[in-house]
Amino acid sequence: WKFCEMEEEEDDEERWIFCPYKPGSYSWVIDRKIPNYLPK
């Protein structure tokens, strides 16, 4: 995917990508559910 377009349809509170990024340090904590329907 185009990195900066990955979360365009997500609500702001659910997003962690906000381009552009200026030079500097950034920290993220990203939660993702592992679907219960995945086979073992």
ModelCIF file with pLDDT and N, C-alpha, C, O atoms, coordinates in Angstrom:
data_MODEL
#
_entry.id   MODEL 
#
_entity.id                         1 
_entity.type                       polymer 
_entity.pdbx_number_of_molecules   1 
#
_entity_poly.entity_id                      1 
_entity_poly.type                           'polypeptide(L)' 
_entity_poly.nstd_linkage                   no 
_entity_poly.nstd_monomer                   no 
_entity_poly.pdbx_seq_one_letter_code       WKFCEMEEEEDDEERWIFCPYKPGSYSWVIDRKIPNYLPK 
_entity_poly.pdbx_seq_one_letter_code_can   WKFCEMEEEEDDEERWIFCPYKPGSYSWVIDRKIPNYLPK 
_entity_poly.pdbx_strand_id                 A 
#
loop_
_entity_poly_seq.entity_id 
_entity_poly_seq.num 
_entity_poly_seq.mon_id 
_entity_poly_seq.hetero 
1 1  TRP n 
1 2  LYS n 
1 3  PHE n 
1 4  CYS n 
1 5  GLU n 
1 6  MET n 
1 7  GLU n 
1 8  GLU n 
1 9  GLU n 
1 10 GLU n 
1 11 ASP n 
1 12 ASP n 
1 13 GLU n 
1 14 GLU n 
1 15 ARG n 
1 16 TRP n 
1 17 ILE n 
1 18 PHE n 
1 19 CYS n 
1 20 PRO n 
1 21 TYR n 
1 22 LYS n 
1 23 PRO n 
1 24 GLY n 
1 25 SER n 
1 26 TYR n 
1 27 SER n 
1 28 TRP n 
1 29 VAL n 
1 30 ILE n 
1 31 ASP n 
1 32 ARG n 
1 33 LYS n 
1 34 ILE n 
1 35 PRO n 
1 36 ASN n 
1 37 TYR n 
1 38 LEU n 
1 39 PRO n 
1 40 LYS n 
#
_struct_asym.id          A 
_struct_asym.entity_id   1 
#
loop_
_ma_qa_metric.id 
_ma_qa_metric.mode 
_ma_qa_metric.name 
_ma_qa_metric.software_group_id 
_ma_qa_metric.type 
1 global pLDDT . pLDDT 
2 local  pLDDT . pLDDT 
#
_ma_qa_metric_global.metric_id      1 
_ma_qa_metric_global.metric_value   86.05 
_ma_qa_metric_global.model_id       1 
_ma_qa_metric_global.ordinal_id     1 
#
loop_
_ma_qa_metric_local.label_asym_id 
_ma_qa_metric_local.label_comp_id 
_ma_qa_metric_local.label_seq_id 
_ma_qa_metric_local.metric_id 
_ma_qa_metric_local.metric_value 
_ma_qa_metric_local.model_id 
_ma_qa_metric_local.ordinal_id 
A TRP 1  2 91.00 1 1  
A LYS 2  2 93.00 1 2  
A PHE 3  2 90.00 1 3  
A CYS 4  2 88.00 1 4  
A GLU 5  2 88.00 1 5  
A MET 6  2 85.00 1 6  
A GLU 7  2 78.00 1 7  
A GLU 8  2 75.00 1 8  
A GLU 9  2 72.00 1 9  
A GLU 10 2 72.00 1 10 
A ASP 11 2 71.00 1 11 
A ASP 12 2 67.00 1 12 
A GLU 13 2 68.00 1 13 
A GLU 14 2 72.00 1 14 
A ARG 15 2 79.00 1 15 
A TRP 16 2 82.00 1 16 
A ILE 17 2 87.00 1 17 
A PHE 18 2 88.00 1 18 
A CYS 19 2 88.00 1 19 
A PRO 20 2 90.00 1 20 
A TYR 21 2 91.00 1 21 
A LYS 22 2 94.00 1 22 
A PRO 23 2 94.00 1 23 
A GLY 24 2 95.00 1 24 
A SER 25 2 95.00 1 25 
A TYR 26 2 94.00 1 26 
A SER 27 2 94.00 1 27 
A TRP 28 2 93.00 1 28 
A VAL 29 2 94.00 1 29 
A ILE 30 2 90.00 1 30 
A ASP 31 2 92.00 1 31 
A ARG 32 2 90.00 1 32 
A LYS 33 2 92.00 1 33 
A ILE 34 2 90.00 1 34 
A PRO 35 2 88.00 1 35 
A ASN 36 2 86.00 1 36 
A TYR 37 2 85.00 1 37 
A LEU 38 2 85.00 1 38 
A PRO 39 2 87.00 1 39 
A LYS 40 2 89.00 1 40 
#
loop_
_atom_site.group_PDB 
_atom_site.id 
_atom_site.type_symbol 
_atom_site.label_atom_id 
_atom_site.label_alt_id 
_atom_site.label_comp_id 
_atom_site.label_asym_id 
_atom_site.label_entity_id 
_atom_site.label_seq_id 
_atom_site.pdbx_PDB_ins_code 
_atom_site.Cartn_x 
_atom_site.Cartn_y 
_atom_site.Cartn_z 
_atom_site.occupancy 
_atom_site.B_iso_or_equiv 
_atom_site.pdbx_formal_charge 
_atom_site.auth_seq_id 
_atom_site.auth_comp_id 
_atom_site.auth_asym_id 
_atom_site.auth_atom_id 
_atom_site.pdbx_PDB_model_num 
ATOM 1   N N  . TRP A 1 1  ? 0.834   -1.195  0.000  1.00 91.00 ? 1  TRP A N  1 
ATOM 2   C CA . TRP A 1 1  ? 0.000   0.000   0.000  1.00 91.00 ? 1  TRP A CA 1 
ATOM 3   C C  . TRP A 1 1  ? 0.872   1.249   0.000  1.00 91.00 ? 1  TRP A C  1 
ATOM 4   O O  . TRP A 1 1  ? 2.036   1.205   0.397  1.00 91.00 ? 1  TRP A O  1 
ATOM 5   N N  . LYS A 1 2  ? 0.308   2.348   -0.442 1.00 93.00 ? 2  LYS A N  1 
ATOM 6   C CA . LYS A 1 2  ? 0.916   3.645   -0.200 1.00 93.00 ? 2  LYS A CA 1 
ATOM 7   C C  . LYS A 1 2  ? 0.803   3.913   1.296  1.00 93.00 ? 2  LYS A C  1 
ATOM 8   O O  . LYS A 1 2  ? -0.300  3.930   1.843  1.00 93.00 ? 2  LYS A O  1 
ATOM 9   N N  . PHE A 1 3  ? 1.929   4.120   1.951  1.00 90.00 ? 3  PHE A N  1 
ATOM 10  C CA . PHE A 1 3  ? 1.945   4.204   3.402  1.00 90.00 ? 3  PHE A CA 1 
ATOM 11  C C  . PHE A 1 3  ? 0.995   5.268   3.930  1.00 90.00 ? 3  PHE A C  1 
ATOM 12  O O  . PHE A 1 3  ? 0.233   5.009   4.861  1.00 90.00 ? 3  PHE A O  1 
ATOM 13  N N  . CYS A 1 4  ? 1.031   6.447   3.356  1.00 88.00 ? 4  CYS A N  1 
ATOM 14  C CA . CYS A 1 4  ? 0.245   7.558   3.890  1.00 88.00 ? 4  CYS A CA 1 
ATOM 15  C C  . CYS A 1 4  ? -1.244  7.440   3.596  1.00 88.00 ? 4  CYS A C  1 
ATOM 16  O O  . CYS A 1 4  ? -2.040  8.216   4.125  1.00 88.00 ? 4  CYS A O  1 
ATOM 17  N N  . GLU A 1 5  ? -1.636  6.470   2.747  1.00 88.00 ? 5  GLU A N  1 
ATOM 18  C CA . GLU A 1 5  ? -3.047  6.286   2.404  1.00 88.00 ? 5  GLU A CA 1 
ATOM 19  C C  . GLU A 1 5  ? -3.662  5.078   3.107  1.00 88.00 ? 5  GLU A C  1 
ATOM 20  O O  . GLU A 1 5  ? -4.842  4.786   2.915  1.00 88.00 ? 5  GLU A O  1 
ATOM 21  N N  . MET A 1 6  ? -2.874  4.376   3.919  1.00 85.00 ? 6  MET A N  1 
ATOM 22  C CA . MET A 1 6  ? -3.337  3.115   4.496  1.00 85.00 ? 6  MET A CA 1 
ATOM 23  C C  . MET A 1 6  ? -4.549  3.265   5.400  1.00 85.00 ? 6  MET A C  1 
ATOM 24  O O  . MET A 1 6  ? -5.398  2.375   5.445  1.00 85.00 ? 6  MET A O  1 
ATOM 25  N N  . GLU A 1 7  ? -4.644  4.378   6.122  1.00 78.00 ? 7  GLU A N  1 
ATOM 26  C CA . GLU A 1 7  ? -5.697  4.523   7.118  1.00 78.00 ? 7  GLU A CA 1 
ATOM 27  C C  . GLU A 1 7  ? -6.602  5.725   6.847  1.00 78.00 ? 7  GLU A C  1 
ATOM 28  O O  . GLU A 1 7  ? -7.187  6.282   7.776  1.00 78.00 ? 7  GLU A O  1 
ATOM 29  N N  . GLU A 1 8  ? -6.717  6.120   5.599  1.00 75.00 ? 8  GLU A N  1 
ATOM 30  C CA . GLU A 1 8  ? -7.522  7.300   5.271  1.00 75.00 ? 8  GLU A CA 1 
ATOM 31  C C  . GLU A 1 8  ? -8.981  7.150   5.658  1.00 75.00 ? 8  GLU A C  1 
ATOM 32  O O  . GLU A 1 8  ? -9.637  8.141   5.978  1.00 75.00 ? 8  GLU A O  1 
ATOM 33  N N  . GLU A 1 9  ? -9.503  5.924   5.636  1.00 72.00 ? 9  GLU A N  1 
ATOM 34  C CA . GLU A 1 9  ? -10.916 5.696   5.934  1.00 72.00 ? 9  GLU A CA 1 
ATOM 35  C C  . GLU A 1 9  ? -11.171 5.427   7.419  1.00 72.00 ? 9  GLU A C  1 
ATOM 36  O O  . GLU A 1 9  ? -12.322 5.272   7.829  1.00 72.00 ? 9  GLU A O  1 
ATOM 37  N N  . GLU A 1 10 ? -10.119 5.371   8.220  1.00 72.00 ? 10 GLU A N  1 
ATOM 38  C CA . GLU A 1 10 ? -10.269 5.123   9.648  1.00 72.00 ? 10 GLU A CA 1 
ATOM 39  C C  . GLU A 1 10 ? -10.601 6.425   10.384 1.00 72.00 ? 10 GLU A C  1 
ATOM 40  O O  . GLU A 1 10 ? -10.231 7.514   9.947  1.00 72.00 ? 10 GLU A O  1 
ATOM 41  N N  . ASP A 1 11 ? -11.312 6.285   11.520 1.00 71.00 ? 11 ASP A N  1 
ATOM 42  C CA . ASP A 1 11 ? -11.536 7.437   12.386 1.00 71.00 ? 11 ASP A CA 1 
ATOM 43  C C  . ASP A 1 11 ? -10.204 7.894   12.963 1.00 71.00 ? 11 ASP A C  1 
ATOM 44  O O  . ASP A 1 11 ? -9.294  7.087   13.157 1.00 71.00 ? 11 ASP A O  1 
ATOM 45  N N  . ASP A 1 12 ? -10.090 9.188   13.238 1.00 67.00 ? 12 ASP A N  1 
ATOM 46  C CA . ASP A 1 12 ? -8.828  9.728   13.736 1.00 67.00 ? 12 ASP A CA 1 
ATOM 47  C C  . ASP A 1 12 ? -8.358  9.028   15.000 1.00 67.00 ? 12 ASP A C  1 
ATOM 48  O O  . ASP A 1 12 ? -7.158  8.832   15.191 1.00 67.00 ? 12 ASP A O  1 
ATOM 49  N N  . GLU A 1 13 ? -9.294  8.649   15.868 1.00 68.00 ? 13 GLU A N  1 
ATOM 50  C CA . GLU A 1 13 ? -8.905  8.004   17.127 1.00 68.00 ? 13 GLU A CA 1 
ATOM 51  C C  . GLU A 1 13 ? -8.379  6.593   16.915 1.00 68.00 ? 13 GLU A C  1 
ATOM 52  O O  . GLU A 1 13 ? -7.723  6.041   17.798 1.00 68.00 ? 13 GLU A O  1 
ATOM 53  N N  . GLU A 1 14 ? -8.660  5.996   15.747 1.00 72.00 ? 14 GLU A N  1 
ATOM 54  C CA . GLU A 1 14 ? -8.184  4.652   15.444 1.00 72.00 ? 14 GLU A CA 1 
ATOM 55  C C  . GLU A 1 14 ? -6.895  4.680   14.621 1.00 72.00 ? 14 GLU A C  1 
ATOM 56  O O  . GLU A 1 14 ? -6.232  3.653   14.479 1.00 72.00 ? 14 GLU A O  1 
ATOM 57  N N  . ARG A 1 15 ? -6.538  5.837   14.080 1.00 79.00 ? 15 ARG A N  1 
ATOM 58  C CA . ARG A 1 15 ? -5.389  5.945   13.187 1.00 79.00 ? 15 ARG A CA 1 
ATOM 59  C C  . ARG A 1 15 ? -4.093  6.136   13.955 1.00 79.00 ? 15 ARG A C  1 
ATOM 60  O O  . ARG A 1 15 ? -4.089  6.631   15.081 1.00 79.00 ? 15 ARG A O  1 
ATOM 61  N N  . TRP A 1 16 ? -2.985  5.734   13.324 1.00 82.00 ? 16 TRP A N  1 
ATOM 62  C CA . TRP A 1 16 ? -1.667  6.033   13.857 1.00 82.00 ? 16 TRP A CA 1 
ATOM 63  C C  . TRP A 1 16 ? -0.755  6.621   12.785 1.00 82.00 ? 16 TRP A C  1 
ATOM 64  O O  . TRP A 1 16 ? 0.388   6.980   13.067 1.00 82.00 ? 16 TRP A O  1 
ATOM 65  N N  . ILE A 1 17 ? -1.263  6.717   11.552 1.00 87.00 ? 17 ILE A N  1 
ATOM 66  C CA . ILE A 1 17 ? -0.483  7.282   10.449 1.00 87.00 ? 17 ILE A CA 1 
ATOM 67  C C  . ILE A 1 17 ? -1.035  8.657   10.092 1.00 87.00 ? 17 ILE A C  1 
ATOM 68  O O  . ILE A 1 17 ? -2.185  8.787   9.672  1.00 87.00 ? 17 ILE A O  1 
ATOM 69  N N  . PHE A 1 18 ? -0.212  9.670   10.260 1.00 88.00 ? 18 PHE A N  1 
ATOM 70  C CA . PHE A 1 18 ? -0.597  11.042  9.915  1.00 88.00 ? 18 PHE A CA 1 
ATOM 71  C C  . PHE A 1 18 ? 0.572   11.693  9.176  1.00 88.00 ? 18 PHE A C  1 
ATOM 72  O O  . PHE A 1 18 ? 1.455   12.283  9.798  1.00 88.00 ? 18 PHE A O  1 
ATOM 73  N N  . CYS A 1 19 ? 0.571   11.583  7.856  1.00 88.00 ? 19 CYS A N  1 
ATOM 74  C CA . CYS A 1 19 ? 1.649   12.143  7.042  1.00 88.00 ? 19 CYS A CA 1 
ATOM 75  C C  . CYS A 1 19 ? 1.400   13.637  6.772  1.00 88.00 ? 19 CYS A C  1 
ATOM 76  O O  . CYS A 1 19 ? 0.259   14.093  6.844  1.00 88.00 ? 19 CYS A O  1 
ATOM 77  N N  . PRO A 1 20 ? 2.465   14.401  6.461  1.00 90.00 ? 20 PRO A N  1 
ATOM 78  C CA . PRO A 1 20 ? 3.873   13.976  6.402  1.00 90.00 ? 20 PRO A CA 1 
ATOM 79  C C  . PRO A 1 20 ? 4.511   13.966  7.783  1.00 90.00 ? 20 PRO A C  1 
ATOM 80  O O  . PRO A 1 20 ? 3.990   14.561  8.726  1.00 90.00 ? 20 PRO A O  1 
ATOM 81  N N  . TYR A 1 21 ? 5.647   13.282  7.889  1.00 91.00 ? 21 TYR A N  1 
ATOM 82  C CA . TYR A 1 21 ? 6.418   13.246  9.131  1.00 91.00 ? 21 TYR A CA 1 
ATOM 83  C C  . TYR A 1 21 ? 7.697   14.056  8.947  1.00 91.00 ? 21 TYR A C  1 
ATOM 84  O O  . TYR A 1 21 ? 8.500   13.774  8.057  1.00 91.00 ? 21 TYR A O  1 
ATOM 85  N N  . LYS A 1 22 ? 7.873   15.050  9.784  1.00 94.00 ? 22 LYS A N  1 
ATOM 86  C CA . LYS A 1 22 ? 9.097   15.842  9.748  1.00 94.00 ? 22 LYS A CA 1 
ATOM 87  C C  . LYS A 1 22 ? 10.226  15.060  10.412 1.00 94.00 ? 22 LYS A C  1 
ATOM 88  O O  . LYS A 1 22 ? 9.966   14.112  11.154 1.00 94.00 ? 22 LYS A O  1 
ATOM 89  N N  . PRO A 1 23 ? 11.469  15.443  10.157 1.00 94.00 ? 23 PRO A N  1 
ATOM 90  C CA . PRO A 1 23 ? 12.585  14.754  10.814 1.00 94.00 ? 23 PRO A CA 1 
ATOM 91  C C  . PRO A 1 23 ? 12.433  14.799  12.336 1.00 94.00 ? 23 PRO A C  1 
ATOM 92  O O  . PRO A 1 23 ? 12.108  15.842  12.904 1.00 94.00 ? 23 PRO A O  1 
ATOM 93  N N  . GLY A 1 24 ? 12.670  13.671  12.983 1.00 95.00 ? 24 GLY A N  1 
ATOM 94  C CA . GLY A 1 24 ? 12.523  13.606  14.430 1.00 95.00 ? 24 GLY A CA 1 
ATOM 95  C C  . GLY A 1 24 ? 12.178  12.209  14.884 1.00 95.00 ? 24 GLY A C  1 
ATOM 96  O O  . GLY A 1 24 ? 12.130  11.276  14.081 1.00 95.00 ? 24 GLY A O  1 
ATOM 97  N N  . SER A 1 25 ? 11.937  12.065  16.185 1.00 95.00 ? 25 SER A N  1 
ATOM 98  C CA . SER A 1 25 ? 11.636  10.769  16.787 1.00 95.00 ? 25 SER A CA 1 
ATOM 99  C C  . SER A 1 25 ? 10.140  10.631  17.042 1.00 95.00 ? 25 SER A C  1 
ATOM 100 O O  . SER A 1 25 ? 9.473   11.581  17.453 1.00 95.00 ? 25 SER A O  1 
ATOM 101 N N  . TYR A 1 26 ? 9.627   9.428   16.791 1.00 94.00 ? 26 TYR A N  1 
ATOM 102 C CA . TYR A 1 26 ? 8.204   9.150   16.957 1.00 94.00 ? 26 TYR A CA 1 
ATOM 103 C C  . TYR A 1 26 ? 8.028   7.819   17.692 1.00 94.00 ? 26 TYR A C  1 
ATOM 104 O O  . TYR A 1 26 ? 8.825   6.895   17.535 1.00 94.00 ? 26 TYR A O  1 
ATOM 105 N N  . SER A 1 27 ? 6.973   7.747   18.492 1.00 94.00 ? 27 SER A N  1 
ATOM 106 C CA . SER A 1 27 ? 6.650   6.522   19.219 1.00 94.00 ? 27 SER A CA 1 
ATOM 107 C C  . SER A 1 27 ? 5.201   6.155   18.969 1.00 94.00 ? 27 SER A C  1 
ATOM 108 O O  . SER A 1 27 ? 4.324   7.019   18.983 1.00 94.00 ? 27 SER A O  1 
ATOM 109 N N  . TRP A 1 28 ? 4.950   4.873   18.739 1.00 93.00 ? 28 TRP A N  1 
ATOM 110 C CA . TRP A 1 28 ? 3.593   4.394   18.501 1.00 93.00 ? 28 TRP A CA 1 
ATOM 111 C C  . TRP A 1 28 ? 3.326   3.150   19.351 1.00 93.00 ? 28 TRP A C  1 
ATOM 112 O O  . TRP A 1 28 ? 4.230   2.366   19.640 1.00 93.00 ? 28 TRP A O  1 
ATOM 113 N N  . VAL A 1 29 ? 2.067   2.994   19.739 1.00 94.00 ? 29 VAL A N  1 
ATOM 114 C CA . VAL A 1 29 ? 1.569   1.758   20.336 1.00 94.00 ? 29 VAL A CA 1 
ATOM 115 C C  . VAL A 1 29 ? 0.337   1.377   19.535 1.00 94.00 ? 29 VAL A C  1 
ATOM 116 O O  . VAL A 1 29 ? -0.649  2.113   19.518 1.00 94.00 ? 29 VAL A O  1 
ATOM 117 N N  . ILE A 1 30 ? 0.389   0.230   18.870 1.00 90.00 ? 30 ILE A N  1 
ATOM 118 C CA . ILE A 1 30 ? -0.641  -0.159  17.903 1.00 90.00 ? 30 ILE A CA 1 
ATOM 119 C C  . ILE A 1 30 ? -1.286  -1.468  18.333 1.00 90.00 ? 30 ILE A C  1 
ATOM 120 O O  . ILE A 1 30 ? -0.602  -2.481  18.481 1.00 90.00 ? 30 ILE A O  1 
ATOM 121 N N  . ASP A 1 31 ? -2.597  -1.452  18.533 1.00 92.00 ? 31 ASP A N  1 
ATOM 122 C CA . ASP A 1 31 ? -3.343  -2.653  18.919 1.00 92.00 ? 31 ASP A CA 1 
ATOM 123 C C  . ASP A 1 31 ? -4.026  -3.261  17.702 1.00 92.00 ? 31 ASP A C  1 
ATOM 124 O O  . ASP A 1 31 ? -4.653  -2.549  16.917 1.00 92.00 ? 31 ASP A O  1 
ATOM 125 N N  . ARG A 1 32 ? -3.908  -4.564  17.546 1.00 90.00 ? 32 ARG A N  1 
ATOM 126 C CA . ARG A 1 32 ? -4.573  -5.269  16.460 1.00 90.00 ? 32 ARG A CA 1 
ATOM 127 C C  . ARG A 1 32 ? -5.140  -6.585  16.986 1.00 90.00 ? 32 ARG A C  1 
ATOM 128 O O  . ARG A 1 32 ? -4.407  -7.401  17.544 1.00 90.00 ? 32 ARG A O  1 
ATOM 129 N N  . LYS A 1 33 ? -6.435  -6.787  16.808 1.00 92.00 ? 33 LYS A N  1 
ATOM 130 C CA . LYS A 1 33 ? -7.085  -8.025  17.222 1.00 92.00 ? 33 LYS A CA 1 
ATOM 131 C C  . LYS A 1 33 ? -6.634  -9.180  16.333 1.00 92.00 ? 33 LYS A C  1 
ATOM 132 O O  . LYS A 1 33 ? -6.597  -9.043  15.110 1.00 92.00 ? 33 LYS A O  1 
ATOM 133 N N  . ILE A 1 34 ? -6.290  -10.315 16.939 1.00 90.00 ? 34 ILE A N  1 
ATOM 134 C CA . ILE A 1 34 ? -6.030  -11.540 16.186 1.00 90.00 ? 34 ILE A CA 1 
ATOM 135 C C  . ILE A 1 34 ? -7.361  -12.279 16.076 1.00 90.00 ? 34 ILE A C  1 
ATOM 136 O O  . ILE A 1 34 ? -7.878  -12.759 17.085 1.00 90.00 ? 34 ILE A O  1 
ATOM 137 N N  . PRO A 1 35 ? -7.923  -12.382 14.877 1.00 88.00 ? 35 PRO A N  1 
ATOM 138 C CA . PRO A 1 35 ? -9.283  -12.931 14.724 1.00 88.00 ? 35 PRO A CA 1 
ATOM 139 C C  . PRO A 1 35 ? -9.453  -14.314 15.339 1.00 88.00 ? 35 PRO A C  1 
ATOM 140 O O  . PRO A 1 35 ? -8.592  -15.183 15.204 1.00 88.00 ? 35 PRO A O  1 
ATOM 141 N N  . ASN A 1 36 ? -10.575 -14.495 16.012 1.00 86.00 ? 36 ASN A N  1 
ATOM 142 C CA . ASN A 1 36 ? -10.868 -15.785 16.639 1.00 86.00 ? 36 ASN A CA 1 
ATOM 143 C C  . ASN A 1 36 ? -11.158 -16.879 15.617 1.00 86.00 ? 36 ASN A C  1 
ATOM 144 O O  . ASN A 1 36 ? -11.066 -18.065 15.932 1.00 86.00 ? 36 ASN A O  1 
ATOM 145 N N  . TYR A 1 37 ? -11.511 -16.479 14.384 1.00 85.00 ? 37 TYR A N  1 
ATOM 146 C CA . TYR A 1 37 ? -11.887 -17.470 13.382 1.00 85.00 ? 37 TYR A CA 1 
ATOM 147 C C  . TYR A 1 37 ? -10.677 -18.066 12.645 1.00 85.00 ? 37 TYR A C  1 
ATOM 148 O O  . TYR A 1 37 ? -10.851 -18.967 11.825 1.00 85.00 ? 37 TYR A O  1 
ATOM 149 N N  . LEU A 1 38 ? -9.466  -17.585 12.918 1.00 85.00 ? 38 LEU A N  1 
ATOM 150 C CA . LEU A 1 38 ? -8.304  -18.147 12.239 1.00 85.00 ? 38 LEU A CA 1 
ATOM 151 C C  . LEU A 1 38 ? -8.102  -19.600 12.662 1.00 85.00 ? 38 LEU A C  1 
ATOM 152 O O  . LEU A 1 38 ? -8.243  -19.921 13.842 1.00 85.00 ? 38 LEU A O  1 
ATOM 153 N N  . PRO A 1 39 ? -7.778  -20.473 11.728 1.00 87.00 ? 39 PRO A N  1 
ATOM 154 C CA . PRO A 1 39 ? -7.522  -21.876 12.093 1.00 87.00 ? 39 PRO A CA 1 
ATOM 155 C C  . PRO A 1 39 ? -6.232  -22.013 12.888 1.00 87.00 ? 39 PRO A C  1 
ATOM 156 O O  . PRO A 1 39 ? -5.344  -21.165 12.810 1.00 87.00 ? 39 PRO A O  1 
ATOM 157 N N  . LYS A 1 40 ? -6.144  -23.091 13.652 1.00 89.00 ? 40 LYS A N  1 
ATOM 158 C CA . LYS A 1 40 ? -4.942  -23.349 14.439 1.00 89.00 ? 40 LYS A CA 1 
ATOM 159 C C  . LYS A 1 40 ? -3.758  -23.602 13.510 1.00 89.00 ? 40 LYS A C  1 
ATOM 160 O O  . LYS A 1 40 ? -2.645  -23.841 13.979 1.00 89.00 ? 40 LYS A O  1 
#
